[in-house]
Amino acid sequence: MKPEALTWRPLCLALAVAGLVAMVTGGRAGSGRRKHKEVFLGENSKFKFGGRIDYKLKKQDSTKTLLIKSEQLLRIEEHDFAMRPGFGGAAIPVGIDVQVESIDSISEVNMDFTMTLYLRHYWKDERLAFPSRNNQSRTFDARLVKKIWVPDVFFVHSKRSFIHDTTMENIMLRVYPDGNILYSVRYRDLDVCWTALCSMDFSSFPLDTQNCSLELRAYAYNENDLMLYWKNGNDSLRTDEIVLSQFFIEEFHASSGLAFYSSTGWYNRLYINFILRRHIFFFMLQTYFPTMLMVVLSWVSFWIDRRAVPARVSLGITTVLTMSTIITGVSSSMPQVSYVKAVDIYLWTSFLFVFLSVIEYAAVNYCTTLEEMRKMKRGKLPSTFNASQAMAFDGCFHDNDIELTPFPRMVPTLTPDPLAAPRPNPEAPPAEGTRLRRQRSVRENVDLLLSNSYMIDSYSRVAFPLSYLLFNTIYWSLYT
């Protein structure tokens, strides 16, 4: 071999190695340039096309892979979550606690109430247990709830309810590594009928206190499959500061019980009991004070002259019609119950006082007419006196304008007792210092009132106020 060939062989080998190195580094630089170019184009497309993200970047979204990892971690696909945990064994305990956020309305006419609350469930499902180094729980929303088993707790006597969905369904699922689960739902506009558990008793309305309950139980699972209980006893029921327009909320407390259905068996029931006491001040302003004023106004006619017919009749009719309007207004805002309410007793008794004041003037007018007709027959009235004009006078007519004879004094007569010993001198007057009186009969008293009709007004000025005061004393002492 020639010496020149031996010289060129190492040189060619060095050149080949250098070319190979150049190809490798060039390829890396080219791939880096392409990568930077794609990123650059992606950023430019973000601004150029109004926020569109490059397809390759979109494929790298970590939330999708996180959801897949969570389902794999909880082994959702490996179990049949249509069955309850521990199916075929003992009943699964499910703890409940409730937080009442607000009571929105209470309707006596519709016999229902509307409230917003948080309902939380606690149970253990070992099928959802997962390994964790730091023993931290995982929280999910409504999308995962649809894939696992949850208790079918519902509100008995509920007419309608909605899961709060602003801005998404207010459902929370929290899973702990040992399989314990917290499931929370927020209900809004939970419209519950009073029915048997809170059939409002209006016999003392509006001075009433209502004791009402809200009932929860499972629908499909009886006590052999599911055992409901209050998670923390009475502390399981919590409330925010609730202010109602017509009621004071005196007390909230929890209780439990059992219910039997002949076709399905025994069920655990949980009760939310609350005591409501009605505000009285609104009804005092709207009902009681106007009624009292109308009754007192009807008594004004007792001080108007009995011959002022237009004044006394118009006053009586006005008060009667006003009382009728008040009674109609109160009845229209109340349910049509078949028993008497406390407000009905007060209104109708007050209406009776107003009505009796009108009847009182009718009696006075009639007695006055009879009195004057008798005097005309006896000739005690002047010939120029006109009875019809006097009855229609404007109230300035007085009794002293007519000559009235005083009521004759009754002379007592004595009836001798046949068994008594005879007096020595029957014709002699009785001994000095003795006085004989005889009580008037009912007929004589009636004749006295007919002859002196103004006495009816005098008695009414005292009898009506005292009677109404006695009625109020008895009424308020009974109902308060």
Protein backbone atom coordinates (compact mmCIF):
# COMPACT_ATOMS: atom_id res chain seq x y z
CA MET A 1 0.00 0.00 0.00
CA LYS A 2 1.17 3.43 -0.84
CA PRO A 3 2.13 5.78 1.91
CA GLU A 4 -0.24 8.46 0.56
CA ALA A 5 -3.24 6.17 1.09
CA LEU A 6 -2.29 5.62 4.69
CA THR A 7 -2.17 9.37 5.20
CA TRP A 8 -5.58 10.11 3.75
CA ARG A 9 -7.49 7.39 5.66
CA PRO A 10 -7.44 9.10 9.10
CA LEU A 11 -8.34 12.37 7.46
CA CYS A 12 -11.44 10.89 5.81
CA LEU A 13 -12.46 9.27 9.09
CA ALA A 14 -12.23 12.60 10.90
CA LEU A 15 -14.28 14.32 8.23
CA ALA A 16 -16.98 11.66 8.47
CA VAL A 17 -17.22 12.05 12.25
CA ALA A 18 -17.40 15.83 11.90
CA GLY A 19 -20.21 15.53 9.36
CA LEU A 20 -22.15 13.20 11.61
CA VAL A 21 -21.85 15.60 14.53
CA ALA A 22 -22.99 18.46 12.33
CA MET A 23 -26.06 16.53 11.23
CA VAL A 24 -27.07 15.73 14.83
CA THR A 25 -26.67 19.29 16.07
CA GLY A 26 -28.37 20.68 13.02
CA GLY A 27 -31.35 18.41 13.52
CA ARG A 28 -31.68 19.49 17.15
CA ALA A 29 -31.49 23.14 16.17
CA GLY A 30 -34.04 22.61 13.43
CA SER A 31 -36.48 20.89 15.80
CA GLY A 32 -35.98 23.68 18.31
CA ARG A 33 -36.64 26.25 15.63
CA ARG A 34 -39.81 24.40 14.61
CA LYS A 35 -40.98 24.22 18.21
CA HIS A 36 -40.44 27.94 18.75
CA LYS A 37 -42.19 28.58 15.47
CA GLU A 38 -45.28 26.61 16.55
CA VAL A 39 -45.42 28.45 19.86
CA PHE A 40 -44.97 31.76 18.08
CA LEU A 41 -47.73 30.94 15.61
CA GLY A 42 -49.96 29.78 18.44
CA GLU A 43 -49.50 33.02 20.36
CA ASN A 44 -50.07 35.05 17.23
CA SER A 45 -53.19 33.07 16.39
CA LYS A 46 -54.47 33.79 19.90
CA PHE A 47 -54.50 37.49 19.21
CA LYS A 48 -55.29 37.23 15.52
CA PHE A 49 -58.34 34.96 15.72
CA GLY A 50 -60.02 36.32 18.85
CA GLY A 51 -58.86 33.91 21.54
CA ARG A 52 -58.69 30.60 19.62
CA ILE A 53 -56.17 28.20 21.10
CA ASP A 54 -54.03 26.00 18.92
CA TYR A 55 -55.27 22.39 18.68
CA LYS A 56 -52.00 20.98 19.94
CA LEU A 57 -52.10 23.18 23.03
CA LYS A 58 -55.73 22.27 23.64
CA LYS A 59 -54.85 18.58 23.71
CA GLN A 60 -52.54 19.27 26.62
CA ASP A 61 -55.45 20.42 28.94
CA SER A 62 -54.70 18.84 32.33
CA THR A 63 -58.30 18.91 33.68
CA LYS A 64 -59.37 16.12 31.32
CA THR A 65 -56.66 13.80 32.43
CA LEU A 66 -57.37 14.80 36.06
CA LEU A 67 -61.00 13.68 35.75
CA ILE A 68 -59.93 10.38 34.26
CA LYS A 69 -57.44 9.91 37.07
CA SER A 70 -60.10 10.66 39.69
CA GLU A 71 -62.51 8.11 38.26
CA GLN A 72 -59.74 5.57 38.08
CA LEU A 73 -58.66 6.43 41.62
CA LEU A 74 -62.17 5.94 42.98
CA ARG A 75 -62.64 2.78 40.87
CA ILE A 76 -66.07 3.88 39.73
CA GLU A 77 -66.11 1.55 36.74
CA GLU A 78 -65.27 -1.48 38.88
CA HIS A 79 -68.44 -1.40 41.06
CA ASP A 80 -72.19 -1.37 40.57
CA PHE A 81 -73.29 1.87 42.19
CA ALA A 82 -76.96 1.13 41.53
CA MET A 83 -76.81 -0.92 44.74
CA ARG A 84 -76.38 0.60 48.18
CA PRO A 85 -73.12 0.04 50.11
CA GLY A 86 -73.04 -3.29 51.93
CA PHE A 87 -76.05 -4.63 50.04
CA GLY A 88 -77.49 -7.70 51.75
CA GLY A 89 -75.97 -6.82 55.12
CA ALA A 90 -76.95 -4.49 57.93
CA ALA A 91 -78.64 -1.16 57.29
CA ILE A 92 -76.26 1.62 56.29
CA PRO A 93 -76.35 4.58 58.72
CA VAL A 94 -76.84 7.97 57.06
CA GLY A 95 -76.34 11.06 59.20
CA ILE A 96 -78.27 14.24 58.39
CA ASP A 97 -77.80 17.87 59.33
CA VAL A 98 -79.72 20.88 58.07
CA GLN A 99 -78.95 24.58 57.95
CA VAL A 100 -82.00 26.76 57.36
CA GLU A 101 -80.94 29.81 55.42
CA SER A 102 -84.27 31.62 55.23
CA ILE A 103 -88.02 31.22 55.54
CA ASP A 104 -89.26 33.21 52.60
CA SER A 105 -93.03 33.26 53.07
CA ILE A 106 -95.81 31.80 55.20
CA SER A 107 -99.30 31.78 53.71
CA GLU A 108 -102.34 31.19 55.90
CA VAL A 109 -104.65 31.20 52.88
CA ASN A 110 -102.74 28.47 50.97
CA MET A 111 -101.70 26.70 54.19
CA ASP A 112 -98.04 26.40 53.16
CA PHE A 113 -94.61 27.96 53.66
CA THR A 114 -91.50 28.43 51.51
CA MET A 115 -87.92 28.14 52.75
CA THR A 116 -84.32 27.81 51.57
CA LEU A 117 -81.96 25.36 53.29
CA TYR A 118 -78.81 23.27 53.05
CA LEU A 119 -79.29 19.50 53.39
CA ARG A 120 -76.16 17.50 54.18
CA HIS A 121 -75.75 13.68 54.20
CA TYR A 122 -72.97 11.67 55.84
CA TRP A 123 -72.33 7.98 55.14
CA LYS A 124 -69.50 5.55 54.36
CA ASP A 125 -68.99 3.74 51.07
CA GLU A 126 -65.86 1.61 51.15
CA ARG A 127 -66.04 1.18 47.39
CA LEU A 128 -64.88 4.80 47.04
CA ALA A 129 -61.91 4.48 49.41
CA PHE A 130 -58.57 5.47 47.83
CA PRO A 131 -54.94 5.59 48.97
CA SER A 132 -53.59 8.95 50.07
CA ARG A 133 -50.24 9.92 51.54
CA ASN A 134 -51.46 13.10 53.27
CA ASN A 135 -54.98 11.79 54.12
CA GLN A 136 -56.65 14.67 52.27
CA SER A 137 -60.18 14.47 50.88
CA ARG A 138 -61.24 15.13 47.33
CA THR A 139 -64.14 17.43 46.45
CA PHE A 140 -66.36 17.07 43.38
CA ASP A 141 -69.49 18.69 41.96
CA ALA A 142 -72.74 17.38 40.48
CA ARG A 143 -71.06 15.68 37.51
CA LEU A 144 -69.59 12.91 39.63
CA VAL A 145 -72.68 12.59 41.86
CA LYS A 146 -74.62 11.08 38.95
CA LYS A 147 -72.17 8.16 38.77
CA ILE A 148 -72.26 6.95 42.38
CA TRP A 149 -74.88 5.88 44.94
CA VAL A 150 -76.49 8.61 47.10
CA PRO A 151 -79.37 8.32 49.63
CA ASP A 152 -82.85 9.04 48.26
CA VAL A 153 -83.91 11.37 51.08
CA PHE A 154 -86.90 13.59 50.29
CA PHE A 155 -89.20 16.08 52.04
CA VAL A 156 -92.58 14.67 52.92
CA HIS A 157 -95.59 16.92 52.07
CA SER A 158 -93.43 19.03 49.75
CA LYS A 159 -95.44 20.52 46.89
CA ARG A 160 -92.41 21.64 44.90
CA SER A 161 -88.71 22.31 45.39
CA PHE A 162 -85.67 23.24 43.32
CA ILE A 163 -81.96 22.63 43.67
CA HIS A 164 -80.31 26.04 43.57
CA ASP A 165 -78.63 26.33 40.16
CA THR A 166 -77.04 29.79 40.16
CA THR A 167 -74.61 29.69 38.51
CA MET A 168 -74.38 25.89 38.60
CA GLU A 169 -76.23 23.25 40.58
CA ASN A 170 -75.38 23.78 44.23
CA ILE A 171 -74.25 20.20 44.92
CA MET A 172 -71.05 19.20 46.68
CA LEU A 173 -69.54 15.74 47.06
CA ARG A 174 -66.52 15.29 49.34
CA VAL A 175 -64.83 11.86 49.48
CA TYR A 176 -62.32 10.94 52.20
CA PRO A 177 -59.59 8.30 51.80
CA ASP A 178 -61.35 5.86 54.18
CA GLY A 179 -64.57 6.00 52.14
CA ASN A 180 -66.51 8.50 54.30
CA ILE A 181 -68.64 10.82 52.18
CA LEU A 182 -70.18 14.26 52.68
CA TYR A 183 -72.97 15.07 50.24
CA SER A 184 -74.47 18.58 50.43
CA VAL A 185 -77.41 20.02 48.47
CA ARG A 186 -78.88 23.52 48.60
CA TYR A 187 -82.65 23.66 48.10
CA ARG A 188 -84.37 26.90 47.18
CA ASP A 189 -88.11 27.68 47.09
CA LEU A 190 -88.87 24.53 49.05
CA ASP A 191 -92.65 24.85 49.14
CA VAL A 192 -94.07 22.65 51.89
CA CYS A 193 -97.73 22.11 52.63
CA TRP A 194 -98.75 22.30 56.30
CA THR A 195 -101.12 19.28 56.14
CA ALA A 196 -101.13 16.89 59.09
CA LEU A 197 -97.78 17.84 60.62
CA CYS A 198 -98.62 21.51 60.73
CA SER A 199 -102.33 21.97 60.29
CA MET A 200 -102.48 25.57 61.42
CA ASP A 201 -104.96 26.11 64.24
CA PHE A 202 -106.53 29.54 63.76
CA SER A 203 -108.89 29.38 66.74
CA SER A 204 -106.68 31.97 68.51
CA PHE A 205 -105.82 34.02 65.41
CA PRO A 206 -104.19 36.58 65.45
CA LEU A 207 -103.01 35.85 68.99
CA ASP A 208 -101.87 32.37 68.00
CA THR A 209 -98.67 30.34 68.24
CA GLN A 210 -98.03 27.68 65.60
CA ASN A 211 -95.97 24.54 66.20
CA CYS A 212 -94.96 23.14 62.82
CA SER A 213 -92.70 20.40 61.47
CA LEU A 214 -90.80 19.57 58.31
CA GLU A 215 -90.36 15.82 57.73
CA LEU A 216 -87.59 13.93 55.91
CA ARG A 217 -87.37 10.23 55.07
CA ALA A 218 -85.98 7.87 52.45
CA TYR A 219 -88.34 6.91 49.67
CA ALA A 220 -87.11 3.48 48.48
CA TYR A 221 -85.02 2.20 51.39
CA ASN A 222 -86.80 1.19 54.58
CA GLU A 223 -85.16 0.69 57.97
CA ASN A 224 -83.66 -2.65 56.88
CA ASP A 225 -81.54 -0.90 54.24
CA LEU A 226 -81.04 2.65 55.46
CA MET A 227 -81.02 4.15 58.96
CA LEU A 228 -81.49 7.91 59.10
CA TYR A 229 -80.34 9.81 62.17
CA TRP A 230 -79.40 13.34 63.16
CA LYS A 231 -75.64 13.70 62.83
CA ASN A 232 -75.11 15.80 65.97
CA GLY A 233 -78.42 15.51 67.81
CA ASN A 234 -80.16 18.85 68.36
CA ASP A 235 -77.03 20.63 67.13
CA SER A 236 -77.68 19.11 63.69
CA LEU A 237 -80.22 21.86 63.05
CA ARG A 238 -78.66 25.27 62.54
CA THR A 239 -80.22 28.53 61.43
CA ASP A 240 -79.05 31.90 60.30
CA GLU A 241 -80.56 35.12 61.63
CA ILE A 242 -84.11 34.82 60.26
CA VAL A 243 -86.51 37.77 60.42
CA LEU A 244 -90.13 37.34 59.32
CA SER A 245 -92.73 40.02 58.75
CA GLN A 246 -95.57 38.33 60.65
CA PHE A 247 -93.91 35.85 63.01
CA PHE A 248 -91.30 35.49 65.71
CA ILE A 249 -89.34 32.24 65.48
CA GLU A 250 -89.20 31.17 69.09
CA GLU A 251 -87.51 27.79 68.78
CA PHE A 252 -85.95 25.30 66.34
CA HIS A 253 -85.35 21.72 67.44
CA ALA A 254 -84.86 18.30 65.83
CA SER A 255 -86.63 15.01 66.53
CA SER A 256 -86.97 11.56 64.97
CA GLY A 257 -89.45 8.72 64.72
CA LEU A 258 -90.72 5.77 62.71
CA ALA A 259 -93.51 5.48 60.16
CA PHE A 260 -95.19 2.29 58.99
CA TYR A 261 -96.59 1.62 55.53
CA SER A 262 -98.49 -1.61 55.08
CA SER A 263 -97.02 -2.35 51.66
CA THR A 264 -93.36 -1.41 52.18
CA GLY A 265 -92.61 -1.60 55.92
CA TRP A 266 -91.08 0.73 58.51
CA TYR A 267 -89.16 3.90 57.65
CA ASN A 268 -86.99 6.23 59.70
CA ARG A 269 -88.28 9.79 59.83
CA LEU A 270 -86.55 12.98 60.86
CA TYR A 271 -88.46 16.10 61.90
CA ILE A 272 -87.50 19.77 61.86
CA ASN A 273 -89.77 21.39 64.46
CA PHE A 274 -90.14 25.14 64.81
CA ILE A 275 -92.45 27.30 66.89
CA LEU A 276 -93.82 30.50 65.35
CA ARG A 277 -95.51 33.27 67.33
CA ARG A 278 -97.43 35.89 65.38
CA HIS A 279 -96.75 39.60 65.57
CA ILE A 280 -99.83 41.28 67.08
CA PHE A 281 -98.97 44.92 66.43
CA PHE A 282 -99.93 44.76 62.75
CA PHE A 283 -103.40 43.47 63.59
CA MET A 284 -103.78 46.00 66.38
CA LEU A 285 -103.29 48.79 63.85
CA GLN A 286 -105.33 47.23 61.06
CA THR A 287 -108.19 45.57 62.93
CA TYR A 288 -108.52 46.12 66.67
CA PHE A 289 -107.97 49.90 66.95
CA PRO A 290 -110.38 50.76 64.07
CA THR A 291 -112.97 48.44 65.58
CA MET A 292 -112.67 50.07 69.00
CA LEU A 293 -113.01 53.52 67.48
CA MET A 294 -116.15 52.53 65.59
CA VAL A 295 -117.75 51.21 68.77
CA VAL A 296 -116.89 54.37 70.71
CA LEU A 297 -118.15 56.49 67.82
CA SER A 298 -121.51 54.74 67.96
CA TRP A 299 -121.89 55.90 71.58
CA VAL A 300 -121.80 59.55 70.52
CA SER A 301 -125.47 59.26 69.54
CA PHE A 302 -126.39 58.84 73.24
CA TRP A 303 -125.43 62.50 73.78
CA ILE A 304 -127.34 63.81 70.75
CA ASP A 305 -130.89 64.98 71.36
CA ARG A 306 -133.36 62.19 70.77
CA ARG A 307 -135.45 64.36 68.43
CA ALA A 308 -132.47 64.89 66.03
CA VAL A 309 -133.47 61.96 63.85
CA PRO A 310 -131.17 62.59 60.83
CA ALA A 311 -128.06 63.02 63.00
CA ARG A 312 -128.54 59.89 65.07
CA VAL A 313 -129.71 57.65 62.21
CA SER A 314 -126.85 58.64 59.88
CA LEU A 315 -124.29 58.12 62.65
CA GLY A 316 -125.67 54.68 63.44
CA ILE A 317 -125.81 53.51 59.82
CA THR A 318 -122.26 54.79 59.14
CA THR A 319 -120.77 52.85 62.02
CA VAL A 320 -122.65 49.68 61.05
CA LEU A 321 -121.43 49.83 57.45
CA THR A 322 -117.85 50.53 58.54
CA MET A 323 -117.89 47.50 60.83
CA SER A 324 -119.19 45.37 57.98
CA THR A 325 -116.29 46.53 55.80
CA ILE A 326 -113.72 45.67 58.47
CA ILE A 327 -115.19 42.19 58.95
CA THR A 328 -115.21 41.53 55.20
CA GLY A 329 -111.59 42.66 54.82
CA VAL A 330 -110.34 40.40 57.60
CA SER A 331 -112.30 37.40 56.32
CA SER A 332 -110.95 37.75 52.77
CA SER A 333 -107.34 37.42 53.98
CA MET A 334 -107.98 34.26 56.01
CA PRO A 335 -108.58 30.64 55.00
CA GLN A 336 -112.17 29.49 54.97
CA VAL A 337 -112.15 27.43 58.16
CA SER A 338 -115.24 25.93 59.73
CA TYR A 339 -114.61 27.16 63.28
CA VAL A 340 -114.67 30.54 64.99
CA LYS A 341 -111.42 32.50 65.31
CA ALA A 342 -110.52 34.89 68.08
CA VAL A 343 -110.64 37.87 65.73
CA ASP A 344 -114.15 36.81 64.65
CA ILE A 345 -115.34 36.88 68.25
CA TYR A 346 -113.97 40.38 68.75
CA LEU A 347 -115.29 41.76 65.47
CA TRP A 348 -118.78 40.31 65.75
CA THR A 349 -119.14 41.32 69.39
CA SER A 350 -118.09 44.85 68.48
CA PHE A 351 -120.53 44.78 65.59
CA LEU A 352 -123.25 43.76 68.06
CA PHE A 353 -122.47 46.79 70.26
CA VAL A 354 -122.73 49.09 67.24
CA PHE A 355 -125.95 47.45 66.13
CA LEU A 356 -127.44 47.73 69.62
CA SER A 357 -126.70 51.46 69.65
CA VAL A 358 -128.89 51.81 66.56
CA ILE A 359 -131.60 49.68 68.15
CA GLU A 360 -131.33 51.81 71.29
CA TYR A 361 -132.20 54.93 69.34
CA ALA A 362 -135.11 53.14 67.68
CA ALA A 363 -136.44 52.33 71.16
CA VAL A 364 -135.89 55.91 72.32
CA ASN A 365 -137.64 57.28 69.25
CA TYR A 366 -140.59 54.94 69.70
CA CYS A 367 -140.97 55.71 73.41
CA THR A 368 -140.77 59.44 72.74
CA THR A 369 -143.51 59.19 70.14
CA LEU A 370 -145.78 57.24 72.52
CA GLU A 371 -145.08 59.71 75.33
CA GLU A 372 -146.00 62.72 73.23
CA MET A 373 -149.09 61.04 71.78
CA ARG A 374 -150.35 60.30 75.29
CA LYS A 375 -149.80 63.88 76.36
CA MET A 376 -151.62 65.14 73.29
CA LYS A 377 -154.58 62.95 74.20
CA ARG A 378 -154.53 64.25 77.78
CA GLY A 379 -154.31 67.83 76.55
CA LYS A 380 -150.98 68.45 78.21
CA LEU A 381 -149.35 69.72 75.01
CA PRO A 382 -150.12 73.16 73.55
CA SER A 383 -152.43 73.22 70.57
CA THR A 384 -149.67 74.72 68.37
CA PHE A 385 -147.25 71.77 69.02
CA ASN A 386 -146.44 69.64 65.97
CA ALA A 387 -145.07 66.22 66.93
CA SER A 388 -143.67 65.41 63.46
CA GLN A 389 -141.71 68.66 63.35
CA ALA A 390 -140.33 68.04 66.84
CA MET A 391 -139.12 64.58 65.87
CA ALA A 392 -137.28 65.98 62.85
CA PHE A 393 -135.70 68.88 64.71
CA ASP A 394 -131.97 69.60 64.38
CA GLY A 395 -131.08 68.75 67.95
CA CYS A 396 -131.66 72.09 69.65
CA PHE A 397 -135.07 71.15 70.98
CA HIS A 398 -135.27 70.69 74.75
CA ASP A 399 -137.74 69.00 77.01
CA ASN A 400 -138.47 72.19 78.94
CA ASP A 401 -140.01 73.68 75.78
CA ILE A 402 -143.02 71.46 76.43
CA GLU A 403 -145.01 71.53 79.62
CA LEU A 404 -144.64 68.08 81.04
CA THR A 405 -146.45 66.94 84.17
CA PRO A 406 -144.31 65.16 86.68
CA PHE A 407 -144.73 61.45 87.13
CA PRO A 408 -147.43 60.86 89.83
CA ARG A 409 -146.24 59.48 93.08
CA MET A 410 -147.51 56.07 93.99
CA VAL A 411 -149.53 56.03 97.22
CA PRO A 412 -149.00 52.71 98.94
CA THR A 413 -152.06 50.78 100.02
CA LEU A 414 -152.06 48.31 102.81
CA THR A 415 -153.76 44.95 102.69
CA PRO A 416 -154.74 43.70 106.16
CA ASP A 417 -153.40 40.37 107.25
CA PRO A 418 -156.28 38.15 108.42
CA LEU A 419 -154.03 36.27 110.82
CA ALA A 420 -152.59 39.39 112.43
CA ALA A 421 -154.02 40.75 115.64
CA PRO A 422 -156.44 43.63 115.09
CA ARG A 423 -155.36 47.10 116.01
CA PRO A 424 -157.19 48.75 118.90
CA ASN A 425 -158.21 51.70 116.72
CA PRO A 426 -158.21 50.89 113.03
CA GLU A 427 -159.08 54.45 112.02
CA ALA A 428 -156.08 55.92 113.78
CA PRO A 429 -153.02 56.70 111.62
CA PRO A 430 -149.96 54.43 111.93
CA ALA A 431 -147.45 55.16 114.59
CA GLU A 432 -145.06 58.00 113.91
CA GLY A 433 -141.63 57.04 112.56
CA THR A 434 -142.79 54.07 110.42
CA ARG A 435 -142.77 54.23 106.56
CA LEU A 436 -144.17 51.66 104.20
CA ARG A 437 -142.66 51.12 100.70
CA ARG A 438 -143.59 48.82 97.87
CA GLN A 439 -141.24 47.84 95.07
CA ARG A 440 -142.40 48.63 91.55
CA SER A 441 -143.26 45.76 89.28
CA VAL A 442 -141.64 45.20 85.90
CA ARG A 443 -144.66 46.65 84.16
CA GLU A 444 -144.48 49.78 86.24
CA ASN A 445 -140.79 50.20 85.40
CA VAL A 446 -141.57 49.81 81.69
CA ASP A 447 -144.34 52.37 82.01
CA LEU A 448 -141.86 54.67 83.72
CA LEU A 449 -139.41 54.37 80.83
CA LEU A 450 -142.18 54.89 78.28
CA SER A 451 -143.25 58.02 80.09
CA ASN A 452 -139.66 59.29 80.42
CA SER A 453 -137.84 58.13 77.26
CA TYR A 454 -134.83 60.35 77.92
CA MET A 455 -133.88 57.95 80.72
CA ILE A 456 -132.96 55.27 78.11
CA ASP A 457 -130.15 57.48 76.79
CA SER A 458 -129.02 58.21 80.33
CA TYR A 459 -128.72 54.56 81.20
CA SER A 460 -127.07 53.72 77.87
CA ARG A 461 -124.30 56.26 78.47
CA VAL A 462 -123.18 54.11 81.40
CA ALA A 463 -124.27 50.59 80.45
CA PHE A 464 -122.64 50.43 76.98
CA PRO A 465 -119.11 51.57 77.97
CA LEU A 466 -119.07 49.36 81.07
CA SER A 467 -120.25 46.32 79.11
CA TYR A 468 -117.66 46.86 76.36
CA LEU A 469 -114.90 47.36 78.94
CA LEU A 470 -115.90 44.10 80.63
CA PHE A 471 -115.85 42.28 77.30
CA ASN A 472 -112.34 43.56 76.47
CA THR A 473 -111.07 42.54 79.87
CA ILE A 474 -112.35 38.98 79.46
CA TYR A 475 -111.20 38.74 75.81
CA TRP A 476 -107.61 39.85 76.31
CA SER A 477 -107.19 37.85 79.50
CA LEU A 478 -108.29 34.66 77.72
CA TYR A 479 -106.26 34.96 74.52
CA THR A 480 -103.07 36.52 75.85
